[in-house]
């Protein structure tokens, strides 16, 4: 009789510090994987110059607290979930749009 092996769990954190007009801001991606599958995630665009609420999180997506949700300028709303990759793509598109708007405001 063989013992059931435990799933392999890993965590990945990637942080990109922004430069230029957004110096001090950062993009943060954290994922929790179990046997290679994303089981938890946190995506955040943090810029204290743009947002003082929510520890500077201008935009974010995560699935903490048992549900998938989106943070925007201190507000939190539930979102539907398809795949992590789709959320990441949506997050990056929104960050690019926010940066475009920020550049036009300056």
C-alpha atoms as a PDB file:
ATOM      1  CA  UNK A   1       0.000   0.000   0.000  1.00  0.00           C
ATOM      2  CA  UNK A   2       1.524   3.335  -1.048  1.00  0.00           C
ATOM      3  CA  UNK A   3       1.159   6.548   0.854  1.00  0.00           C
ATOM      4  CA  UNK A   4      -0.587   9.355  -0.948  1.00  0.00           C
ATOM      5  CA  UNK A   5       1.951  12.060  -1.666  1.00  0.00           C
ATOM      6  CA  UNK A   6       1.264  15.626  -0.676  1.00  0.00           C
ATOM      7  CA  UNK A   7       0.736  18.181  -3.437  1.00  0.00           C
ATOM      8  CA  UNK A   8       3.739  20.313  -4.300  1.00  0.00           C
ATOM      9  CA  UNK A   9       3.004  23.895  -3.218  1.00  0.00           C
ATOM     10  CA  UNK A  10       5.029  26.906  -4.312  1.00  0.00           C
ATOM     11  CA  UNK A  11       4.740  30.671  -4.154  1.00  0.00           C
ATOM     12  CA  UNK A  12       6.033  33.118  -6.721  1.00  0.00           C
ATOM     13  CA  UNK A  13       6.415  36.858  -6.160  1.00  0.00           C
ATOM     14  CA  UNK A  14       7.470  39.248  -8.888  1.00  0.00           C
ATOM     15  CA  UNK A  15       7.816  42.996  -8.290  1.00  0.00           C
ATOM     16  CA  UNK A  16       8.572  45.608 -10.951  1.00  0.00           C
ATOM     17  CA  UNK A  17       9.535  49.034  -9.676  1.00  0.00           C
ATOM     18  CA  UNK A  18       8.428  51.721 -12.103  1.00  0.00           C
ATOM     19  CA  UNK A  19      10.600  54.626 -13.214  1.00  0.00           C
ATOM     20  CA  UNK A  20      10.150  58.027 -14.796  1.00  0.00           C
ATOM     21  CA  UNK A  21       6.873  59.788 -13.985  1.00  0.00           C
ATOM     22  CA  UNK A  22       5.808  56.806 -11.894  1.00  0.00           C
ATOM     23  CA  UNK A  23       9.003  56.545  -9.852  1.00  0.00           C
ATOM     24  CA  UNK A  24       8.141  54.905  -6.537  1.00  0.00           C
ATOM     25  CA  UNK A  25       5.193  52.992  -7.984  1.00  0.00           C
ATOM     26  CA  UNK A  26       5.307  49.246  -8.536  1.00  0.00           C
ATOM     27  CA  UNK A  27       3.554  46.338 -10.171  1.00  0.00           C
ATOM     28  CA  UNK A  28       3.325  43.246  -7.972  1.00  0.00           C
ATOM     29  CA  UNK A  29       2.315  39.730  -8.983  1.00  0.00           C
ATOM     30  CA  UNK A  30       2.068  36.957  -6.420  1.00  0.00           C
ATOM     31  CA  UNK A  31       0.821  33.483  -7.208  1.00  0.00           C
ATOM     32  CA  UNK A  32       0.320  30.380  -5.129  1.00  0.00           C
ATOM     33  CA  UNK A  33       0.623  27.142  -7.058  1.00  0.00           C
ATOM     34  CA  UNK A  34      -0.311  23.608  -6.197  1.00  0.00           C
ATOM     35  CA  UNK A  35       1.070  20.947  -8.528  1.00  0.00           C
ATOM     36  CA  UNK A  36       1.672  23.653 -11.140  1.00  0.00           C
ATOM     37  CA  UNK A  37      -1.896  25.044 -11.034  1.00  0.00           C
ATOM     38  CA  UNK A  38      -2.597  28.576  -9.765  1.00  0.00           C
ATOM     39  CA  UNK A  39      -4.704  28.292  -6.616  1.00  0.00           C
ATOM     40  CA  UNK A  40      -4.235  31.836  -5.326  1.00  0.00           C
ATOM     41  CA  UNK A  41      -3.176  35.138  -6.813  1.00  0.00           C
ATOM     42  CA  UNK A  42      -2.709  38.815  -6.056  1.00  0.00           C
ATOM     43  CA  UNK A  43      -2.069  41.402  -8.762  1.00  0.00           C
ATOM     44  CA  UNK A  44      -1.493  45.020  -7.785  1.00  0.00           C
ATOM     45  CA  UNK A  45      -0.554  48.378  -9.259  1.00  0.00           C
ATOM     46  CA  UNK A  46       0.643  50.379  -6.251  1.00  0.00           C
ATOM     47  CA  UNK A  47       1.233  54.116  -6.493  1.00  0.00           C
ATOM     48  CA  UNK A  48       0.887  56.215  -3.341  1.00  0.00           C
ATOM     49  CA  UNK A  49       1.025  59.388  -5.455  1.00  0.00           C
ATOM     50  CA  UNK A  50      -2.261  58.346  -7.130  1.00  0.00           C
ATOM     51  CA  UNK A  51      -4.091  56.639  -4.271  1.00  0.00           C
ATOM     52  CA  UNK A  52      -3.630  56.933  -0.522  1.00  0.00           C
ATOM     53  CA  UNK A  53      -6.387  54.384   0.252  1.00  0.00           C
ATOM     54  CA  UNK A  54      -5.803  50.619   0.375  1.00  0.00           C
ATOM     55  CA  UNK A  55      -2.056  50.999   1.040  1.00  0.00           C
ATOM     56  CA  UNK A  56      -1.581  52.783  -2.281  1.00  0.00           C
ATOM     57  CA  UNK A  57      -3.233  50.081  -4.382  1.00  0.00           C
ATOM     58  CA  UNK A  58      -4.617  51.916  -7.401  1.00  0.00           C
ATOM     59  CA  UNK A  59      -5.744  48.683  -9.069  1.00  0.00           C
ATOM     60  CA  UNK A  60      -5.641  45.052  -8.042  1.00  0.00           C
ATOM     61  CA  UNK A  61      -7.175  41.638  -8.509  1.00  0.00           C
ATOM     62  CA  UNK A  62      -7.007  38.755  -6.036  1.00  0.00           C
ATOM     63  CA  UNK A  63      -8.895  35.785  -4.671  1.00  0.00           C
ATOM     64  CA  UNK A  64      -8.216  36.173  -0.968  1.00  0.00           C
ATOM     65  CA  UNK A  65     -11.088  35.996   1.516  1.00  0.00           C
ATOM     66  CA  UNK A  66     -12.699  33.164  -0.471  1.00  0.00           C
ATOM     67  CA  UNK A  67     -13.803  35.088  -3.570  1.00  0.00           C
ATOM     68  CA  UNK A  68     -12.425  36.778  -6.683  1.00  0.00           C
ATOM     69  CA  UNK A  69     -12.466  40.553  -6.495  1.00  0.00           C
ATOM     70  CA  UNK A  70     -11.123  43.772  -7.972  1.00  0.00           C
ATOM     71  CA  UNK A  71      -9.677  46.712  -6.044  1.00  0.00           C
ATOM     72  CA  UNK A  72      -9.818  50.180  -7.567  1.00  0.00           C
ATOM     73  CA  UNK A  73      -8.869  53.341  -5.678  1.00  0.00           C
ATOM     74  CA  UNK A  74     -10.061  52.004  -2.324  1.00  0.00           C
ATOM     75  CA  UNK A  75     -13.231  50.297  -3.589  1.00  0.00           C
ATOM     76  CA  UNK A  76     -13.628  46.501  -3.779  1.00  0.00           C
ATOM     77  CA  UNK A  77     -16.062  44.666  -6.050  1.00  0.00           C
ATOM     78  CA  UNK A  78     -16.599  40.961  -6.710  1.00  0.00           C
ATOM     79  CA  UNK A  79     -15.698  39.825 -10.238  1.00  0.00           C
ATOM     80  CA  UNK A  80     -16.411  36.693 -12.223  1.00  0.00           C
ATOM     81  CA  UNK A  81     -13.462  34.395 -12.817  1.00  0.00           C
ATOM     82  CA  UNK A  82     -12.559  32.353 -15.864  1.00  0.00           C
ATOM     83  CA  UNK A  83      -8.798  31.803 -15.678  1.00  0.00           C
ATOM     84  CA  UNK A  84      -5.830  33.361 -13.946  1.00  0.00           C
ATOM     85  CA  UNK A  85      -4.323  34.157 -17.339  1.00  0.00           C
ATOM     86  CA  UNK A  86      -7.464  36.094 -18.347  1.00  0.00           C
ATOM     87  CA  UNK A  87      -7.318  38.102 -15.097  1.00  0.00           C
ATOM     88  CA  UNK A  88      -3.630  38.855 -15.645  1.00  0.00           C
ATOM     89  CA  UNK A  89      -4.333  40.022 -19.202  1.00  0.00           C
ATOM     90  CA  UNK A  90      -7.224  42.229 -18.008  1.00  0.00           C
ATOM     91  CA  UNK A  91      -5.079  43.646 -15.199  1.00  0.00           C
ATOM     92  CA  UNK A  92      -2.223  44.558 -17.547  1.00  0.00           C
ATOM     93  CA  UNK A  93      -4.611  46.160 -20.059  1.00  0.00           C
ATOM     94  CA  UNK A  94      -6.135  48.267 -17.270  1.00  0.00           C
ATOM     95  CA  UNK A  95      -2.697  49.298 -15.974  1.00  0.00           C
ATOM     96  CA  UNK A  96      -1.682  50.417 -19.482  1.00  0.00           C
ATOM     97  CA  UNK A  97      -4.898  52.451 -19.763  1.00  0.00           C
ATOM     98  CA  UNK A  98      -4.366  54.016 -16.318  1.00  0.00           C
ATOM     99  CA  UNK A  99      -0.816  54.972 -17.278  1.00  0.00           C
ATOM    100  CA  UNK A 100      -2.079  56.537 -20.523  1.00  0.00           C
ATOM    101  CA  UNK A 101      -4.640  58.580 -18.564  1.00  0.00           C
ATOM    102  CA  UNK A 102      -2.014  59.595 -15.975  1.00  0.00           C
ATOM    103  CA  UNK A 103       0.304  60.751 -18.768  1.00  0.00           C
ATOM    104  CA  UNK A 104      -2.460  62.874 -20.317  1.00  0.00           C
ATOM    105  CA  UNK A 105      -3.194  64.510 -16.938  1.00  0.00           C
ATOM    106  CA  UNK A 106       0.410  65.618 -16.435  1.00  0.00           C
END
